[in-house]
Amino acid sequence: MRLAALLALTVAVPACTGLGPEPAAAPWPTTSTVEAGPEPEPLFTGRKAVHYRNAYRICSVFSRRELARQYGIEPKPRLVARTQARRQYERAFRAAAFRGCLHAFQDREPRA
């Protein structure tokens, strides 16, 4: 009986304390070795960033075809984004709105 208890302790103690032999390495990496790059710089800051995000949301919610129908134009991504920016935003914010809408149509991550 004592021998069985002693054998159980010799197996259990190193396993619990980490004093046993090192485990064999996996034949393949167990975690991703690809590191994410740095976050991309925002394209716009301040009020332009606000309008970029707003246009991105609008063009994410409404389809390109819905917006084209509303504006009476062809459903081409750049044309819809440009028309939406011209009709909804002041001149100073149109480039940001255009880019936000276009990024939404292209399923890109927002950058503002």
PDB file of N, CA and C in Angstrom:
ATOM      1  N   MET A   1       0.817  -1.187   0.000  1.00  0.00           N
ATOM      2  CA  MET A   1       0.000   0.000   0.000  1.00  0.00           C
ATOM      3  C   MET A   1       0.865   1.257   0.000  1.00  0.00           C
ATOM      4  N   ARG A   2       1.914   1.226   0.848  1.00  0.00           N
ATOM      5  CA  ARG A   2       2.793   2.394   0.909  1.00  0.00           C
ATOM      6  C   ARG A   2       3.523   2.600  -0.412  1.00  0.00           C
ATOM      7  N   LEU A   3       3.846   1.534  -1.051  1.00  0.00           N
ATOM      8  CA  LEU A   3       4.541   1.634  -2.325  1.00  0.00           C
ATOM      9  C   LEU A   3       3.646   2.298  -3.371  1.00  0.00           C
ATOM     10  N   ALA A   4       2.388   1.941  -3.394  1.00  0.00           N
ATOM     11  CA  ALA A   4       1.447   2.545  -4.342  1.00  0.00           C
ATOM     12  C   ALA A   4       1.287   4.030  -4.060  1.00  0.00           C
ATOM     13  N   ALA A   5       1.211   4.412  -2.786  1.00  0.00           N
ATOM     14  CA  ALA A   5       1.085   5.824  -2.420  1.00  0.00           C
ATOM     15  C   ALA A   5       2.341   6.593  -2.813  1.00  0.00           C
ATOM     16  N   LEU A   6       3.503   5.999  -2.578  1.00  0.00           N
ATOM     17  CA  LEU A   6       4.755   6.637  -2.937  1.00  0.00           C
ATOM     18  C   LEU A   6       4.862   6.830  -4.451  1.00  0.00           C
ATOM     19  N   LEU A   7       4.455   5.838  -5.231  1.00  0.00           N
ATOM     20  CA  LEU A   7       4.467   5.963  -6.688  1.00  0.00           C
ATOM     21  C   LEU A   7       3.501   7.054  -7.157  1.00  0.00           C
ATOM     22  N   ALA A   8       2.341   7.134  -6.530  1.00  0.00           N
ATOM     23  CA  ALA A   8       1.373   8.172  -6.900  1.00  0.00           C
ATOM     24  C   ALA A   8       1.935   9.558  -6.622  1.00  0.00           C
ATOM     25  N   LEU A   9       2.641   9.708  -5.495  1.00  0.00           N
ATOM     26  CA  LEU A   9       3.240  11.007  -5.167  1.00  0.00           C
ATOM     27  C   LEU A   9       4.362  11.373  -6.126  1.00  0.00           C
ATOM     28  N   THR A  10       5.153  10.419  -6.543  1.00  0.00           N
ATOM     29  CA  THR A  10       6.263  10.723  -7.448  1.00  0.00           C
ATOM     30  C   THR A  10       5.759  11.152  -8.819  1.00  0.00           C
ATOM     31  N   VAL A  11       4.560  10.728  -9.178  1.00  0.00           N
ATOM     32  CA  VAL A  11       3.969  11.146 -10.448  1.00  0.00           C
ATOM     33  C   VAL A  11       3.220  12.461 -10.279  1.00  0.00           C
ATOM     34  N   ALA A  12       2.470  12.595  -9.198  1.00  0.00           N
ATOM     35  CA  ALA A  12       1.603  13.750  -9.002  1.00  0.00           C
ATOM     36  C   ALA A  12       2.375  15.008  -8.630  1.00  0.00           C
ATOM     37  N   VAL A  13       3.369  14.927  -7.776  1.00  0.00           N
ATOM     38  CA  VAL A  13       4.066  16.120  -7.300  1.00  0.00           C
ATOM     39  C   VAL A  13       4.784  16.854  -8.431  1.00  0.00           C
ATOM     40  N   PRO A  14       5.573  16.182  -9.261  1.00  0.00           N
ATOM     41  CA  PRO A  14       6.211  16.939 -10.343  1.00  0.00           C
ATOM     42  C   PRO A  14       5.200  17.533 -11.325  1.00  0.00           C
ATOM     43  N   ALA A  15       4.100  16.846 -11.556  1.00  0.00           N
ATOM     44  CA  ALA A  15       3.102  17.362 -12.483  1.00  0.00           C
ATOM     45  C   ALA A  15       2.444  18.616 -11.936  1.00  0.00           C
ATOM     46  N   CYS A  16       2.203  18.650 -10.630  1.00  0.00           N
ATOM     47  CA  CYS A  16       1.551  19.810 -10.016  1.00  0.00           C
ATOM     48  C   CYS A  16       2.496  20.975  -9.828  1.00  0.00           C
ATOM     49  N   THR A  17       3.761  20.691  -9.580  1.00  0.00           N
ATOM     50  CA  THR A  17       4.711  21.767  -9.274  1.00  0.00           C
ATOM     51  C   THR A  17       5.492  22.232 -10.485  1.00  0.00           C
ATOM     52  N   GLY A  18       5.380  21.516 -11.567  1.00  0.00           N
ATOM     53  CA  GLY A  18       6.132  21.892 -12.754  1.00  0.00           C
ATOM     54  C   GLY A  18       7.581  21.455 -12.680  1.00  0.00           C
ATOM     55  N   LEU A  19       7.926  20.548 -11.742  1.00  0.00           N
ATOM     56  CA  LEU A  19       9.302  20.104 -11.585  1.00  0.00           C
ATOM     57  C   LEU A  19       9.644  18.914 -12.463  1.00  0.00           C
ATOM     58  N   GLY A  20       8.681  18.421 -13.173  1.00  0.00           N
ATOM     59  CA  GLY A  20       8.898  17.246 -14.008  1.00  0.00           C
ATOM     60  C   GLY A  20       9.615  17.614 -15.296  1.00  0.00           C
ATOM     61  N   PRO A  21       9.760  16.637 -16.165  1.00  0.00           N
ATOM     62  CA  PRO A  21      10.429  16.897 -17.442  1.00  0.00           C
ATOM     63  C   PRO A  21       9.614  17.869 -18.293  1.00  0.00           C
ATOM     64  N   GLU A  22      10.305  18.593 -19.163  1.00  0.00           N
ATOM     65  CA  GLU A  22       9.658  19.545 -20.057  1.00  0.00           C
ATOM     66  C   GLU A  22       8.760  18.799 -21.038  1.00  0.00           C
ATOM     67  N   PRO A  23       7.580  19.313 -21.325  1.00  0.00           N
ATOM     68  CA  PRO A  23       6.723  18.651 -22.304  1.00  0.00           C
ATOM     69  C   PRO A  23       7.331  18.768 -23.696  1.00  0.00           C
ATOM     70  N   ALA A  24       7.047  17.787 -24.516  1.00  0.00           N
ATOM     71  CA  ALA A  24       7.547  17.812 -25.883  1.00  0.00           C
ATOM     72  C   ALA A  24       6.935  18.974 -26.641  1.00  0.00           C
ATOM     73  N   ALA A  25       7.711  19.580 -27.508  1.00  0.00           N
ATOM     74  CA  ALA A  25       7.215  20.708 -28.303  1.00  0.00           C
ATOM     75  C   ALA A  25       6.220  20.200 -29.332  1.00  0.00           C
ATOM     76  N   ALA A  26       5.212  21.009 -29.580  1.00  0.00           N
ATOM     77  CA  ALA A  26       4.218  20.660 -30.593  1.00  0.00           C
ATOM     78  C   ALA A  26       4.883  20.695 -31.963  1.00  0.00           C
ATOM     79  N   PRO A  27       4.454  19.836 -32.881  1.00  0.00           N
ATOM     80  CA  PRO A  27       5.070  19.824 -34.204  1.00  0.00           C
ATOM     81  C   PRO A  27       4.731  21.065 -35.036  1.00  0.00           C
ATOM     82  N   TRP A  28       3.808  21.868 -34.579  1.00  0.00           N
ATOM     83  CA  TRP A  28       3.445  23.105 -35.272  1.00  0.00           C
ATOM     84  C   TRP A  28       3.225  24.178 -34.223  1.00  0.00           C
ATOM     85  N   PRO A  29       3.285  25.438 -34.600  1.00  0.00           N
ATOM     86  CA  PRO A  29       3.069  26.508 -33.619  1.00  0.00           C
ATOM     87  C   PRO A  29       1.646  26.448 -33.064  1.00  0.00           C
ATOM     88  N   THR A  30       1.532  26.623 -31.758  1.00  0.00           N
ATOM     89  CA  THR A  30       0.214  26.581 -31.142  1.00  0.00           C
ATOM     90  C   THR A  30      -0.440  27.948 -31.107  1.00  0.00           C
ATOM     91  N   THR A  31       0.320  28.983 -31.350  1.00  0.00           N
ATOM     92  CA  THR A  31      -0.240  30.332 -31.434  1.00  0.00           C
ATOM     93  C   THR A  31       0.193  30.955 -32.741  1.00  0.00           C
ATOM     94  N   SER A  32      -0.497  31.969 -33.126  1.00  0.00           N
ATOM     95  CA  SER A  32      -0.179  32.641 -34.375  1.00  0.00           C
ATOM     96  C   SER A  32       1.166  33.339 -34.254  1.00  0.00           C
ATOM     97  N   THR A  33       2.003  33.151 -35.247  1.00  0.00           N
ATOM     98  CA  THR A  33       3.299  33.822 -35.235  1.00  0.00           C
ATOM     99  C   THR A  33       3.259  35.125 -36.021  1.00  0.00           C
ATOM    100  N   VAL A  34       2.120  35.407 -36.634  1.00  0.00           N
ATOM    101  CA  VAL A  34       1.979  36.650 -37.392  1.00  0.00           C
ATOM    102  C   VAL A  34       1.620  37.758 -36.424  1.00  0.00           C
ATOM    103  N   GLU A  35       2.419  38.788 -36.408  1.00  0.00           N
ATOM    104  CA  GLU A  35       2.151  39.913 -35.530  1.00  0.00           C
ATOM    105  C   GLU A  35       1.372  40.966 -36.286  1.00  0.00           C
ATOM    106  N   ALA A  36       0.405  41.543 -35.595  1.00  0.00           N
ATOM    107  CA  ALA A  36      -0.360  42.620 -36.214  1.00  0.00           C
ATOM    108  C   ALA A  36       0.529  43.849 -36.323  1.00  0.00           C
ATOM    109  N   GLY A  37       0.415  44.519 -37.430  1.00  0.00           N
ATOM    110  CA  GLY A  37       1.188  45.741 -37.620  1.00  0.00           C
ATOM    111  C   GLY A  37       0.590  46.869 -36.800  1.00  0.00           C
ATOM    112  N   PRO A  38       1.219  47.992 -36.850  1.00  0.00           N
ATOM    113  CA  PRO A  38       0.687  49.135 -36.106  1.00  0.00           C
ATOM    114  C   PRO A  38      -0.656  49.572 -36.686  1.00  0.00           C
ATOM    115  N   GLU A  39      -1.461  50.178 -35.840  1.00  0.00           N
ATOM    116  CA  GLU A  39      -2.753  50.692 -36.296  1.00  0.00           C
ATOM    117  C   GLU A  39      -2.514  51.722 -37.399  1.00  0.00           C
ATOM    118  N   PRO A  40      -3.321  51.691 -38.453  1.00  0.00           N
ATOM    119  CA  PRO A  40      -3.126  52.690 -39.505  1.00  0.00           C
ATOM    120  C   PRO A  40      -3.451  54.084 -38.973  1.00  0.00           C
ATOM    121  N   GLU A  41      -2.731  55.047 -39.485  1.00  0.00           N
ATOM    122  CA  GLU A  41      -2.972  56.433 -39.096  1.00  0.00           C
ATOM    123  C   GLU A  41      -4.365  56.840 -39.541  1.00  0.00           C
ATOM    124  N   PRO A  42      -5.072  57.612 -38.731  1.00  0.00           N
ATOM    125  CA  PRO A  42      -6.388  58.083 -39.169  1.00  0.00           C
ATOM    126  C   PRO A  42      -6.232  59.020 -40.376  1.00  0.00           C
ATOM    127  N   LEU A  43      -7.178  58.931 -41.277  1.00  0.00           N
ATOM    128  CA  LEU A  43      -7.135  59.786 -42.459  1.00  0.00           C
ATOM    129  C   LEU A  43      -7.529  61.217 -42.135  1.00  0.00           C
ATOM    130  N   PHE A  44      -8.419  61.372 -41.153  1.00  0.00           N
ATOM    131  CA  PHE A  44      -8.940  62.687 -40.816  1.00  0.00           C
ATOM    132  C   PHE A  44      -8.976  62.856 -39.306  1.00  0.00           C
ATOM    133  N   THR A  45      -8.930  64.094 -38.861  1.00  0.00           N
ATOM    134  CA  THR A  45      -9.034  64.399 -37.444  1.00  0.00           C
ATOM    135  C   THR A  45     -10.077  65.492 -37.254  1.00  0.00           C
ATOM    136  N   GLY A  46     -10.451  65.710 -36.014  1.00  0.00           N
ATOM    137  CA  GLY A  46     -11.384  66.782 -35.694  1.00  0.00           C
ATOM    138  C   GLY A  46     -12.751  66.593 -36.326  1.00  0.00           C
ATOM    139  N   ARG A  47     -13.314  67.690 -36.807  1.00  0.00           N
ATOM    140  CA  ARG A  47     -14.655  67.634 -37.405  1.00  0.00           C
ATOM    141  C   ARG A  47     -14.689  66.810 -38.683  1.00  0.00           C
ATOM    142  N   LYS A  48     -13.591  66.786 -39.412  1.00  0.00           N
ATOM    143  CA  LYS A  48     -13.546  65.965 -40.627  1.00  0.00           C
ATOM    144  C   LYS A  48     -13.674  64.489 -40.276  1.00  0.00           C
ATOM    145  N   ALA A  49     -13.065  64.078 -39.171  1.00  0.00           N
ATOM    146  CA  ALA A  49     -13.187  62.683 -38.734  1.00  0.00           C
ATOM    147  C   ALA A  49     -14.630  62.362 -38.352  1.00  0.00           C
ATOM    148  N   VAL A  50     -15.317  63.318 -37.741  1.00  0.00           N
ATOM    149  CA  VAL A  50     -16.721  63.124 -37.375  1.00  0.00           C
ATOM    150  C   VAL A  50     -17.559  62.904 -38.631  1.00  0.00           C
ATOM    151  N   HIS A  51     -17.334  63.709 -39.653  1.00  0.00           N
ATOM    152  CA  HIS A  51     -18.105  63.575 -40.896  1.00  0.00           C
ATOM    153  C   HIS A  51     -17.716  62.307 -41.655  1.00  0.00           C
ATOM    154  N   TYR A  52     -16.450  61.918 -41.585  1.00  0.00           N
ATOM    155  CA  TYR A  52     -16.018  60.654 -42.188  1.00  0.00           C
ATOM    156  C   TYR A  52     -16.802  59.498 -41.565  1.00  0.00           C
ATOM    157  N   ARG A  53     -16.832  59.448 -40.229  1.00  0.00           N
ATOM    158  CA  ARG A  53     -17.530  58.356 -39.535  1.00  0.00           C
ATOM    159  C   ARG A  53     -19.027  58.388 -39.810  1.00  0.00           C
ATOM    160  N   ASN A  54     -19.601  59.578 -39.866  1.00  0.00           N
ATOM    161  CA  ASN A  54     -21.027  59.702 -40.143  1.00  0.00           C
ATOM    162  C   ASN A  54     -21.355  59.150 -41.540  1.00  0.00           C
ATOM    163  N   ALA A  55     -20.582  59.554 -42.529  1.00  0.00           N
ATOM    164  CA  ALA A  55     -20.808  59.062 -43.893  1.00  0.00           C
ATOM    165  C   ALA A  55     -20.574  57.554 -43.962  1.00  0.00           C
ATOM    166  N   TYR A  56     -19.580  57.079 -43.231  1.00  0.00           N
ATOM    167  CA  TYR A  56     -19.307  55.639 -43.203  1.00  0.00           C
ATOM    168  C   TYR A  56     -20.533  54.889 -42.674  1.00  0.00           C
ATOM    169  N   ARG A  57     -21.112  55.401 -41.608  1.00  0.00           N
ATOM    170  CA  ARG A  57     -22.301  54.750 -41.030  1.00  0.00           C
ATOM    171  C   ARG A  57     -23.475  54.769 -41.998  1.00  0.00           C
ATOM    172  N   ILE A  58     -23.722  55.918 -42.611  1.00  0.00           N
ATOM    173  CA  ILE A  58     -24.848  56.038 -43.544  1.00  0.00           C
ATOM    174  C   ILE A  58     -24.690  55.037 -44.684  1.00  0.00           C
ATOM    175  N   CYS A  59     -23.494  54.977 -45.244  1.00  0.00           N
ATOM    176  CA  CYS A  59     -23.265  54.094 -46.387  1.00  0.00           C
ATOM    177  C   CYS A  59     -23.117  52.631 -45.968  1.00  0.00           C
ATOM    178  N   SER A  60     -23.018  52.373 -44.679  1.00  0.00           N
ATOM    179  CA  SER A  60     -23.043  51.000 -44.179  1.00  0.00           C
ATOM    180  C   SER A  60     -24.474  50.527 -43.975  1.00  0.00           C
ATOM    181  N   VAL A  61     -25.334  51.448 -43.578  1.00  0.00           N
ATOM    182  CA  VAL A  61     -26.730  51.105 -43.288  1.00  0.00           C
ATOM    183  C   VAL A  61     -27.542  50.992 -44.574  1.00  0.00           C
ATOM    184  N   PHE A  62     -27.389  51.980 -45.446  1.00  0.00           N
ATOM    185  CA  PHE A  62     -28.134  51.990 -46.704  1.00  0.00           C
ATOM    186  C   PHE A  62     -27.268  51.404 -47.804  1.00  0.00           C
ATOM    187  N   SER A  63     -27.863  50.589 -48.642  1.00  0.00           N
ATOM    188  CA  SER A  63     -27.091  49.993 -49.731  1.00  0.00           C
ATOM    189  C   SER A  63     -26.799  51.048 -50.790  1.00  0.00           C
ATOM    190  N   ARG A  64     -25.816  50.736 -51.580  1.00  0.00           N
ATOM    191  CA  ARG A  64     -25.445  51.612 -52.686  1.00  0.00           C
ATOM    192  C   ARG A  64     -26.632  51.818 -53.624  1.00  0.00           C
ATOM    193  N   ARG A  65     -27.397  50.764 -53.849  1.00  0.00           N
ATOM    194  CA  ARG A  65     -28.557  50.857 -54.748  1.00  0.00           C
ATOM    195  C   ARG A  65     -29.644  51.751 -54.148  1.00  0.00           C
ATOM    196  N   GLU A  66     -29.865  51.644 -52.840  1.00  0.00           N
ATOM    197  CA  GLU A  66     -30.875  52.498 -52.195  1.00  0.00           C
ATOM    198  C   GLU A  66     -30.494  53.975 -52.308  1.00  0.00           C
ATOM    199  N   LEU A  67     -29.229  54.281 -52.036  1.00  0.00           N
ATOM    200  CA  LEU A  67     -28.798  55.679 -52.125  1.00  0.00           C
ATOM    201  C   LEU A  67     -28.847  56.169 -53.574  1.00  0.00           C
ATOM    202  N   ALA A  68     -28.454  55.321 -54.519  1.00  0.00           N
ATOM    203  CA  ALA A  68     -28.497  55.710 -55.934  1.00  0.00           C
ATOM    204  C   ALA A  68     -29.925  56.000 -56.370  1.00  0.00           C
ATOM    205  N   ARG A  69     -30.858  55.188 -55.927  1.00  0.00           N
ATOM    206  CA  ARG A  69     -32.268  55.407 -56.262  1.00  0.00           C
ATOM    207  C   ARG A  69     -32.754  56.727 -55.649  1.00  0.00           C
ATOM    208  N   GLN A  70     -32.356  57.001 -54.419  1.00  0.00           N
ATOM    209  CA  GLN A  70     -32.753  58.241 -53.757  1.00  0.00           C
ATOM    210  C   GLN A  70     -32.222  59.463 -54.510  1.00  0.00           C
ATOM    211  N   TYR A  71     -30.987  59.359 -55.017  1.00  0.00           N
ATOM    212  CA  TYR A  71     -30.379  60.487 -55.725  1.00  0.00           C
ATOM    213  C   TYR A  71     -30.662  60.481 -57.224  1.00  0.00           C
ATOM    214  N   GLY A  72     -31.271  59.417 -57.742  1.00  0.00           N
ATOM    215  CA  GLY A  72     -31.579  59.340 -59.161  1.00  0.00           C
ATOM    216  C   GLY A  72     -30.349  59.173 -60.030  1.00  0.00           C
ATOM    217  N   ILE A  73     -29.392  58.363 -59.578  1.00  0.00           N
ATOM    218  CA  ILE A  73     -28.142  58.152 -60.319  1.00  0.00           C
ATOM    219  C   ILE A  73     -27.877  56.653 -60.449  1.00  0.00           C
ATOM    220  N   GLU A  74     -26.837  56.310 -61.231  1.00  0.00           N
ATOM    221  CA  GLU A  74     -26.426  54.906 -61.371  1.00  0.00           C
ATOM    222  C   GLU A  74     -25.776  54.443 -60.061  1.00  0.00           C
ATOM    223  N   PRO A  75     -25.909  53.166 -59.714  1.00  0.00           N
ATOM    224  CA  PRO A  75     -25.363  52.672 -58.445  1.00  0.00           C
ATOM    225  C   PRO A  75     -23.871  52.350 -58.485  1.00  0.00           C
ATOM    226  N   LYS A  76     -23.064  53.218 -59.060  1.00  0.00           N
ATOM    227  CA  LYS A  76     -21.609  53.033 -59.070  1.00  0.00           C
ATOM    228  C   LYS A  76     -21.056  53.565 -57.747  1.00  0.00           C
ATOM    229  N   PRO A  77     -20.169  52.817 -57.099  1.00  0.00           N
ATOM    230  CA  PRO A  77     -19.710  53.201 -55.757  1.00  0.00           C
ATOM    231  C   PRO A  77     -19.161  54.626 -55.661  1.00  0.00           C
ATOM    232  N   ARG A  78     -18.259  54.992 -56.539  1.00  0.00           N
ATOM    233  CA  ARG A  78     -17.648  56.326 -56.457  1.00  0.00           C
ATOM    234  C   ARG A  78     -18.662  57.425 -56.758  1.00  0.00           C
ATOM    235  N   LEU A  79     -19.553  57.173 -57.702  1.00  0.00           N
ATOM    236  CA  LEU A  79     -20.566  58.162 -58.059  1.00  0.00           C
ATOM    237  C   LEU A  79     -21.540  58.377 -56.895  1.00  0.00           C
ATOM    238  N   VAL A  80     -21.969  57.298 -56.263  1.00  0.00           N
ATOM    239  CA  VAL A  80     -22.900  57.414 -55.138  1.00  0.00           C
ATOM    240  C   VAL A  80     -22.211  58.112 -53.965  1.00  0.00           C
ATOM    241  N   ALA A  81     -20.969  57.729 -53.670  1.00  0.00           N
ATOM    242  CA  ALA A  81     -20.236  58.354 -52.562  1.00  0.00           C
ATOM    243  C   ALA A  81     -20.032  59.846 -52.813  1.00  0.00           C
ATOM    244  N   ARG A  82     -19.672  60.210 -54.035  1.00  0.00           N
ATOM    245  CA  ARG A  82     -19.457  61.621 -54.376  1.00  0.00           C
ATOM    246  C   ARG A  82     -20.764  62.408 -54.286  1.00  0.00           C
ATOM    247  N   THR A  83     -21.844  61.842 -54.814  1.00  0.00           N
ATOM    248  CA  THR A  83     -23.137  62.527 -54.781  1.00  0.00           C
ATOM    249  C   THR A  83     -23.628  62.679 -53.347  1.00  0.00           C
ATOM    250  N   GLN A  84     -23.478  61.654 -52.558  1.00  0.00           N
ATOM    251  CA  GLN A  84     -23.900  61.721 -51.164  1.00  0.00           C
ATOM    252  C   GLN A  84     -23.108  62.797 -50.431  1.00  0.00           C
ATOM    253  N   ALA A  85     -21.816  62.875 -50.668  1.00  0.00           N
ATOM    254  CA  ALA A  85     -20.978  63.890 -50.018  1.00  0.00           C
ATOM    255  C   ALA A  85     -21.377  65.296 -50.467  1.00  0.00           C
ATOM    256  N   ARG A  86     -21.607  65.481 -51.757  1.00  0.00           N
ATOM    257  CA  ARG A  86     -21.962  66.810 -52.269  1.00  0.00           C
ATOM    258  C   ARG A  86     -23.320  67.296 -51.767  1.00  0.00           C
ATOM    259  N   ARG A  87     -24.264  66.376 -51.661  1.00  0.00           N
ATOM    260  CA  ARG A  87     -25.624  66.792 -51.292  1.00  0.00           C
ATOM    261  C   ARG A  87     -25.840  66.896 -49.782  1.00  0.00           C
ATOM    262  N   GLN A  88     -25.003  66.242 -49.002  1.00  0.00           N
ATOM    263  CA  GLN A  88     -25.258  66.188 -47.565  1.00  0.00           C
ATOM    264  C   GLN A  88     -24.243  66.956 -46.712  1.00  0.00           C
ATOM    265  N   TYR A  89     -23.111  67.341 -47.267  1.00  0.00           N
ATOM    266  CA  TYR A  89     -22.040  67.926 -46.450  1.00  0.00           C
ATOM    267  C   TYR A  89     -21.565  69.263 -47.018  1.00  0.00           C
ATOM    268  N   GLU A  90     -21.104  70.115 -46.115  1.00  0.00           N
ATOM    269  CA  GLU A  90     -20.496  71.376 -46.529  1.00  0.00           C
ATOM    270  C   GLU A  90     -19.214  71.074 -47.288  1.00  0.00           C
ATOM    271  N   ARG A  91     -18.809  72.008 -48.124  1.00  0.00           N
ATOM    272  CA  ARG A  91     -17.640  71.822 -48.986  1.00  0.00           C
ATOM    273  C   ARG A  91     -16.395  71.393 -48.196  1.00  0.00           C
ATOM    274  N   ALA A  92     -16.165  71.963 -47.044  1.00  0.00           N
ATOM    275  CA  ALA A  92     -14.958  71.661 -46.261  1.00  0.00           C
ATOM    276  C   ALA A  92     -14.901  70.200 -45.796  1.00  0.00           C
ATOM    277  N   PHE A  93     -16.043  69.518 -45.752  1.00  0.00           N
ATOM    278  CA  PHE A  93     -16.091  68.151 -45.223  1.00  0.00           C
ATOM    279  C   PHE A  93     -16.408  67.110 -46.283  1.00  0.00           C
ATOM    280  N   ARG A  94     -16.510  67.513 -47.525  1.00  0.00           N
ATOM    281  CA  ARG A  94     -16.916  66.581 -48.585  1.00  0.00           C
ATOM    282  C   ARG A  94     -15.885  65.489 -48.847  1.00  0.00           C
ATOM    283  N   ALA A  95     -14.615  65.823 -48.809  1.00  0.00           N
ATOM    284  CA  ALA A  95     -13.587  64.796 -49.067  1.00  0.00           C
ATOM    285  C   ALA A  95     -13.643  63.714 -47.990  1.00  0.00           C
ATOM    286  N   ALA A  96     -13.822  64.113 -46.751  1.00  0.00           N
ATOM    287  CA  ALA A  96     -13.912  63.143 -45.658  1.00  0.00           C
ATOM    288  C   ALA A  96     -15.171  62.295 -45.804  1.00  0.00           C
ATOM    289  N   ALA A  97     -16.286  62.926 -46.130  1.00  0.00           N
ATOM    290  CA  ALA A  97     -17.548  62.194 -46.298  1.00  0.00           C
ATOM    291  C   ALA A  97     -17.462  61.233 -47.485  1.00  0.00           C
ATOM    292  N   PHE A  98     -16.883  61.689 -48.573  1.00  0.00           N
ATOM    293  CA  PHE A  98     -16.710  60.832 -49.753  1.00  0.00           C
ATOM    294  C   PHE A  98     -15.896  59.596 -49.387  1.00  0.00           C
ATOM    295  N   ARG A  99     -14.760  59.804 -48.708  1.00  0.00           N
ATOM    296  CA  ARG A  99     -13.877  58.694 -48.357  1.00  0.00           C
ATOM    297  C   ARG A  99     -14.578  57.728 -47.379  1.00  0.00           C
ATOM    298  N   GLY A 100     -15.306  58.264 -46.408  1.00  0.00           N
ATOM    299  CA  GLY A 100     -16.015  57.409 -45.455  1.00  0.00           C
ATOM    300  C   GLY A 100     -17.065  56.545 -46.136  1.00  0.00           C
ATOM    301  N   CYS A 101     -17.822  57.153 -47.027  1.00  0.00           N
ATOM    302  CA  CYS A 101     -18.859  56.413 -47.746  1.00  0.00           C
ATOM    303  C   CYS A 101     -18.226  55.348 -48.648  1.00  0.00           C
ATOM    304  N   LEU A 102     -17.195  55.719 -49.351  1.00  0.00           N
ATOM    305  CA  LEU A 102     -16.532  54.772 -50.249  1.00  0.00           C
ATOM    306  C   LEU A 102     -15.944  53.599 -49.463  1.00  0.00           C
ATOM    307  N   HIS A 103     -15.335  53.867 -48.315  1.00  0.00           N
ATOM    308  CA  HIS A 103     -14.789  52.783 -47.492  1.00  0.00           C
ATOM    309  C   HIS A 103     -15.893  51.840 -47.026  1.00  0.00           C
ATOM    310  N   ALA A 104     -17.041  52.379 -46.708  1.00  0.00           N
ATOM    311  CA  ALA A 104     -18.165  51.528 -46.301  1.00  0.00           C
ATOM    312  C   ALA A 104     -18.608  50.644 -47.458  1.00  0.00           C
ATOM    313  N   PHE A 105     -18.696  51.202 -48.651  1.00  0.00           N
ATOM    314  CA  PHE A 105     -19.095  50.407 -49.823  1.00  0.00           C
ATOM    315  C   PHE A 105     -18.061  49.308 -50.117  1.00  0.00           C
ATOM    316  N   GLN A 106     -16.803  49.565 -49.816  1.00  0.00           N
ATOM    317  CA  GLN A 106     -15.730  48.603 -50.074  1.00  0.00           C
ATOM    318  C   GLN A 106     -15.522  47.640 -48.896  1.00  0.00           C
ATOM    319  N   ASP A 107     -16.372  47.727 -47.863  1.00  0.00           N
ATOM    320  CA  ASP A 107     -16.267  46.885 -46.672  1.00  0.00           C
ATOM    321  C   ASP A 107     -14.900  46.992 -46.010  1.00  0.00           C
ATOM    322  N   ARG A 108     -14.343  48.197 -46.001  1.00  0.00           N
ATOM    323  CA  ARG A 108     -13.065  48.440 -45.337  1.00  0.00           C
ATOM    324  C   ARG A 108     -13.319  48.916 -43.921  1.00  0.00           C
ATOM    325  N   GLU A 109     -12.341  48.728 -43.070  1.00  0.00           N
ATOM    326  CA  GLU A 109     -12.443  49.224 -41.699  1.00  0.00           C
ATOM    327  C   GLU A 109     -12.376  50.755 -41.717  1.00  0.00           C
ATOM    328  N   PRO A 110     -13.150  51.402 -40.867  1.00  0.00           N
ATOM    329  CA  PRO A 110     -13.082  52.874 -40.819  1.00  0.00           C
ATOM    330  C   PRO A 110     -11.717  53.336 -40.313  1.00  0.00           C
ATOM    331  N   ARG A 111     -11.252  54.472 -40.818  1.00  0.00           N
ATOM    332  CA  ARG A 111      -9.937  55.001 -40.441  1.00  0.00           C
ATOM    333  C   ARG A 111     -10.039  56.421 -39.920  1.00  0.00           C
ATOM    334  N   ALA A 112     -10.954  56.667 -39.053  1.00  0.00           N
ATOM    335  CA  ALA A 112     -11.021  58.000 -38.441  1.00  0.00           C
ATOM    336  C   ALA A 112     -11.542  57.877 -37.038  1.00  0.00           C
TER     337      ALA A 112
END
